[in-house]
PDB file of N, CA and C in Angstrom:
ATOM      1  N   MET A   1     -35.886  -5.470   0.223  1.00  0.00           N
ATOM      2  CA  MET A   1     -34.849  -4.628  -0.053  1.00  0.00           C
ATOM      3  C   MET A   1     -33.322  -5.509   0.265  1.00  0.00           C
ATOM      4  N   ALA A   2     -32.626  -5.941  -0.544  1.00  0.00           N
ATOM      5  CA  ALA A   2     -31.473  -6.471  -0.221  1.00  0.00           C
ATOM      6  C   ALA A   2     -30.306  -5.678  -0.017  1.00  0.00           C
ATOM      7  N   ASP A   3     -30.693  -4.355  -0.194  1.00  0.00           N
ATOM      8  CA  ASP A   3     -29.552  -3.508   0.276  1.00  0.00           C
ATOM      9  C   ASP A   3     -29.645  -2.713   1.580  1.00  0.00           C
ATOM     10  N   ALA A   4     -30.810  -3.061   2.443  1.00  0.00           N
ATOM     11  CA  ALA A   4     -31.160  -2.425   3.424  1.00  0.00           C
ATOM     12  C   ALA A   4     -31.084  -3.721   4.801  1.00  0.00           C
ATOM     13  N   HIS A   5     -30.512  -2.978   5.885  1.00  0.00           N
ATOM     14  CA  HIS A   5     -30.295  -3.775   7.139  1.00  0.00           C
ATOM     15  C   HIS A   5     -31.106  -3.109   8.337  1.00  0.00           C
ATOM     16  N   VAL A   6     -31.985  -3.875   8.895  1.00  0.00           N
ATOM     17  CA  VAL A   6     -33.011  -3.757   9.912  1.00  0.00           C
ATOM     18  C   VAL A   6     -32.461  -3.948  11.154  1.00  0.00           C
ATOM     19  N   ASP A   7     -32.023  -2.991  12.171  1.00  0.00           N
ATOM     20  CA  ASP A   7     -31.239  -3.112  13.278  1.00  0.00           C
ATOM     21  C   ASP A   7     -32.304  -3.683  14.449  1.00  0.00           C
ATOM     22  N   ALA A   8     -32.067  -4.613  15.148  1.00  0.00           N
ATOM     23  CA  ALA A   8     -32.972  -5.072  16.100  1.00  0.00           C
ATOM     24  C   ALA A   8     -33.467  -3.759  17.191  1.00  0.00           C
ATOM     25  N   HIS A   9     -32.476  -3.016  17.398  1.00  0.00           N
ATOM     26  CA  HIS A   9     -33.266  -1.970  18.148  1.00  0.00           C
ATOM     27  C   HIS A   9     -33.475  -0.467  17.698  1.00  0.00           C
ATOM     28  N   ASN A  10     -33.271  -0.526  16.440  1.00  0.00           N
ATOM     29  CA  ASN A  10     -33.868   0.479  15.796  1.00  0.00           C
ATOM     30  C   ASN A  10     -34.611  -0.067  14.443  1.00  0.00           C
ATOM     31  N   PRO A  11     -35.974   0.071  14.405  1.00  0.00           N
ATOM     32  CA  PRO A  11     -36.658  -0.760  13.412  1.00  0.00           C
ATOM     33  C   PRO A  11     -36.560  -0.296  11.926  1.00  0.00           C
ATOM     34  N   ARG A  12     -36.046   1.317  11.762  1.00  0.00           N
ATOM     35  CA  ARG A  12     -35.987   1.685  10.662  1.00  0.00           C
ATOM     36  C   ARG A  12     -34.784   1.386   9.691  1.00  0.00           C
ATOM     37  N   ARG A  13     -35.083   1.207   8.347  1.00  0.00           N
ATOM     38  CA  ARG A  13     -34.052   0.534   7.561  1.00  0.00           C
ATOM     39  C   ARG A  13     -32.577   1.385   7.355  1.00  0.00           C
ATOM     40  N   VAL A  14     -31.590   0.842   7.630  1.00  0.00           N
ATOM     41  CA  VAL A  14     -30.370   1.429   7.459  1.00  0.00           C
ATOM     42  C   VAL A  14     -29.586   1.199   6.126  1.00  0.00           C
ATOM     43  N   PRO A  15     -29.175   1.967   5.158  1.00  0.00           N
ATOM     44  CA  PRO A  15     -28.614   1.376   4.005  1.00  0.00           C
ATOM     45  C   PRO A  15     -27.278   0.894   4.008  1.00  0.00           C
ATOM     46  N   GLN A  16     -26.788  -0.008   3.472  1.00  0.00           N
ATOM     47  CA  GLN A  16     -25.638  -0.691   3.500  1.00  0.00           C
ATOM     48  C   GLN A  16     -24.456  -0.205   2.722  1.00  0.00           C
ATOM     49  N   THR A  17     -23.571   0.094   2.717  1.00  0.00           N
ATOM     50  CA  THR A  17     -22.278   0.943   2.216  1.00  0.00           C
ATOM     51  C   THR A  17     -21.437  -0.384   1.421  1.00  0.00           C
ATOM     52  N   GLY A  18     -21.925  -1.126   0.704  1.00  0.00           N
ATOM     53  CA  GLY A  18     -21.639  -1.846  -0.209  1.00  0.00           C
ATOM     54  C   GLY A  18     -20.703  -1.358  -1.051  1.00  0.00           C
ATOM     55  N   GLY A  19     -20.929  -0.127  -1.680  1.00  0.00           N
ATOM     56  CA  GLY A  19     -20.355   0.210  -2.926  1.00  0.00           C
ATOM     57  C   GLY A  19     -19.004   0.985  -2.421  1.00  0.00           C
ATOM     58  N   LEU A  20     -18.789   1.498  -1.086  1.00  0.00           N
ATOM     59  CA  LEU A  20     -17.459   1.980  -0.592  1.00  0.00           C
ATOM     60  C   LEU A  20     -16.441   1.108  -0.672  1.00  0.00           C
ATOM     61  N   PRO A  21     -15.279   1.602  -0.724  1.00  0.00           N
ATOM     62  CA  PRO A  21     -13.867   0.717  -0.291  1.00  0.00           C
ATOM     63  C   PRO A  21     -13.800   0.475   1.361  1.00  0.00           C
ATOM     64  N   PRO A  22     -12.885  -0.209   2.059  1.00  0.00           N
ATOM     65  CA  PRO A  22     -12.911  -0.382   3.191  1.00  0.00           C
ATOM     66  C   PRO A  22     -12.621   1.001   3.832  1.00  0.00           C
ATOM     67  N   ALA A  23     -13.025   1.085   5.446  1.00  0.00           N
ATOM     68  CA  ALA A  23     -12.783   2.357   6.280  1.00  0.00           C
ATOM     69  C   ALA A  23     -11.171   2.506   6.011  1.00  0.00           C
ATOM     70  N   SER A  24     -10.471   1.532   6.232  1.00  0.00           N
ATOM     71  CA  SER A  24      -8.766   1.692   6.507  1.00  0.00           C
ATOM     72  C   SER A  24      -8.600   2.339   4.988  1.00  0.00           C
ATOM     73  N   PHE A  25      -8.758   1.723   3.818  1.00  0.00           N
ATOM     74  CA  PHE A  25      -8.283   2.762   2.607  1.00  0.00           C
ATOM     75  C   PHE A  25      -8.644   4.059   2.678  1.00  0.00           C
ATOM     76  N   ARG A  26     -10.079   4.108   3.095  1.00  0.00           N
ATOM     77  CA  ARG A  26     -10.390   5.656   2.758  1.00  0.00           C
ATOM     78  C   ARG A  26      -9.698   6.659   4.051  1.00  0.00           C
ATOM     79  N   PHE A  27      -9.434   6.112   5.098  1.00  0.00           N
ATOM     80  CA  PHE A  27      -8.705   6.883   6.158  1.00  0.00           C
ATOM     81  C   PHE A  27      -7.328   7.202   5.679  1.00  0.00           C
ATOM     82  N   ASP A  28      -6.561   6.256   4.815  1.00  0.00           N
ATOM     83  CA  ASP A  28      -5.228   6.342   4.409  1.00  0.00           C
ATOM     84  C   ASP A  28      -5.168   7.629   3.179  1.00  0.00           C
ATOM     85  N   LEU A  29      -6.321   7.400   2.414  1.00  0.00           N
ATOM     86  CA  LEU A  29      -6.426   8.202   1.231  1.00  0.00           C
ATOM     87  C   LEU A  29      -6.630   9.379   1.829  1.00  0.00           C
ATOM     88  N   THR A  30      -7.400   9.593   3.005  1.00  0.00           N
ATOM     89  CA  THR A  30      -7.770  11.001   3.586  1.00  0.00           C
ATOM     90  C   THR A  30      -6.413  11.715   4.065  1.00  0.00           C
ATOM     91  N   VAL A  31      -5.617  10.899   4.996  1.00  0.00           N
ATOM     92  CA  VAL A  31      -4.563  11.206   5.506  1.00  0.00           C
ATOM     93  C   VAL A  31      -3.366  11.599   4.523  1.00  0.00           C
ATOM     94  N   ASP A  32      -3.151  10.643   3.209  1.00  0.00           N
ATOM     95  CA  ASP A  32      -2.226  10.985   2.059  1.00  0.00           C
ATOM     96  C   ASP A  32      -2.866  12.424   1.724  1.00  0.00           C
ATOM     97  N   THR A  33      -4.060  12.654   1.236  1.00  0.00           N
ATOM     98  CA  THR A  33      -4.530  13.892   0.976  1.00  0.00           C
ATOM     99  C   THR A  33      -4.030  15.160   1.718  1.00  0.00           C
ATOM    100  N   LEU A  34      -4.468  15.007   3.117  1.00  0.00           N
ATOM    101  CA  LEU A  34      -4.065  16.448   3.623  1.00  0.00           C
ATOM    102  C   LEU A  34      -2.589  16.403   3.951  1.00  0.00           C
ATOM    103  N   ALA A  35      -1.607  15.446   4.022  1.00  0.00           N
ATOM    104  CA  ALA A  35      -0.538  15.832   4.193  1.00  0.00           C
ATOM    105  C   ALA A  35       0.252  16.383   2.815  1.00  0.00           C
ATOM    106  N   LEU A  36      -0.471  15.869   1.899  1.00  0.00           N
ATOM    107  CA  LEU A  36       0.070  16.585   0.581  1.00  0.00           C
ATOM    108  C   LEU A  36      -0.302  17.809   0.323  1.00  0.00           C
ATOM    109  N   SER A  37      -1.560  18.241   0.758  1.00  0.00           N
ATOM    110  CA  SER A  37      -2.258  19.512   0.662  1.00  0.00           C
ATOM    111  C   SER A  37      -1.614  20.568   1.864  1.00  0.00           C
ATOM    112  N   TYR A  38      -0.818  19.930   2.757  1.00  0.00           N
ATOM    113  CA  TYR A  38      -0.499  20.724   3.728  1.00  0.00           C
ATOM    114  C   TYR A  38       1.086  20.949   3.266  1.00  0.00           C
ATOM    115  N   GLY A  39       1.880  19.810   2.576  1.00  0.00           N
ATOM    116  CA  GLY A  39       3.285  20.258   2.205  1.00  0.00           C
ATOM    117  C   GLY A  39       2.731  21.150   1.055  1.00  0.00           C
ATOM    118  N   TYR A  40       2.118  21.464   0.083  1.00  0.00           N
ATOM    119  CA  TYR A  40       1.739  22.067  -0.986  1.00  0.00           C
ATOM    120  C   TYR A  40       1.525  23.665  -0.118  1.00  0.00           C
ATOM    121  N   TYR A  41       1.062  23.636   0.794  1.00  0.00           N
ATOM    122  CA  TYR A  41       0.850  25.018   1.338  1.00  0.00           C
ATOM    123  C   TYR A  41       2.065  25.445   2.141  1.00  0.00           C
ATOM    124  N   CYS A  42       2.805  24.556   2.460  1.00  0.00           N
ATOM    125  CA  CYS A  42       3.962  24.956   2.882  1.00  0.00           C
ATOM    126  C   CYS A  42       5.007  25.471   2.234  1.00  0.00           C
ATOM    127  N   LEU A  43       5.053  24.725   1.084  1.00  0.00           N
ATOM    128  CA  LEU A  43       5.829  25.151  -0.055  1.00  0.00           C
ATOM    129  C   LEU A  43       5.542  26.575  -0.773  1.00  0.00           C
ATOM    130  N   HIS A  44       4.208  26.698  -0.849  1.00  0.00           N
ATOM    131  CA  HIS A  44       3.726  27.812  -1.612  1.00  0.00           C
ATOM    132  C   HIS A  44       4.425  29.190  -0.870  1.00  0.00           C
ATOM    133  N   HIS A  45       3.688  28.625   0.559  1.00  0.00           N
ATOM    134  CA  HIS A  45       4.080  30.050   1.268  1.00  0.00           C
ATOM    135  C   HIS A  45       5.412  30.383   1.498  1.00  0.00           C
ATOM    136  N   LEU A  46       6.471  29.688   1.481  1.00  0.00           N
ATOM    137  CA  LEU A  46       7.874  29.729   1.486  1.00  0.00           C
ATOM    138  C   LEU A  46       8.217  29.968   0.069  1.00  0.00           C
ATOM    139  N   GLY A  47       7.452  30.141  -1.004  1.00  0.00           N
ATOM    140  CA  GLY A  47       8.211  30.678  -2.549  1.00  0.00           C
ATOM    141  C   GLY A  47       8.664  29.807  -3.237  1.00  0.00           C
ATOM    142  N   LEU A  48       8.431  28.378  -2.968  1.00  0.00           N
ATOM    143  CA  LEU A  48       9.109  27.124  -3.448  1.00  0.00           C
ATOM    144  C   LEU A  48       8.028  26.383  -4.440  1.00  0.00           C
ATOM    145  N   GLY A  49       6.696  26.848  -4.326  1.00  0.00           N
ATOM    146  CA  GLY A  49       6.093  26.026  -5.192  1.00  0.00           C
ATOM    147  C   GLY A  49       5.793  26.517  -6.470  1.00  0.00           C
ATOM    148  N   PRO A  50       5.267  25.848  -7.143  1.00  0.00           N
ATOM    149  CA  PRO A  50       4.890  26.246  -8.602  1.00  0.00           C
ATOM    150  C   PRO A  50       3.996  27.670  -8.715  1.00  0.00           C
ATOM    151  N   THR A  51       4.319  28.159  -9.624  1.00  0.00           N
ATOM    152  CA  THR A  51       3.472  29.519  -9.702  1.00  0.00           C
ATOM    153  C   THR A  51       2.273  29.347 -10.392  1.00  0.00           C
TER     154      THR A  51
END
């Protein structure tokens, strides 16, 4: 299996995450999503958000 990695300390096969973007990108995307969600929540509760 080309997409599996065998750890020397753990003989079970661990799937690689080759299809995912780098962790830094995923973290930035998560932070942006949380910031936008929180901003929308605040505006909505202040009566300034879209109806």
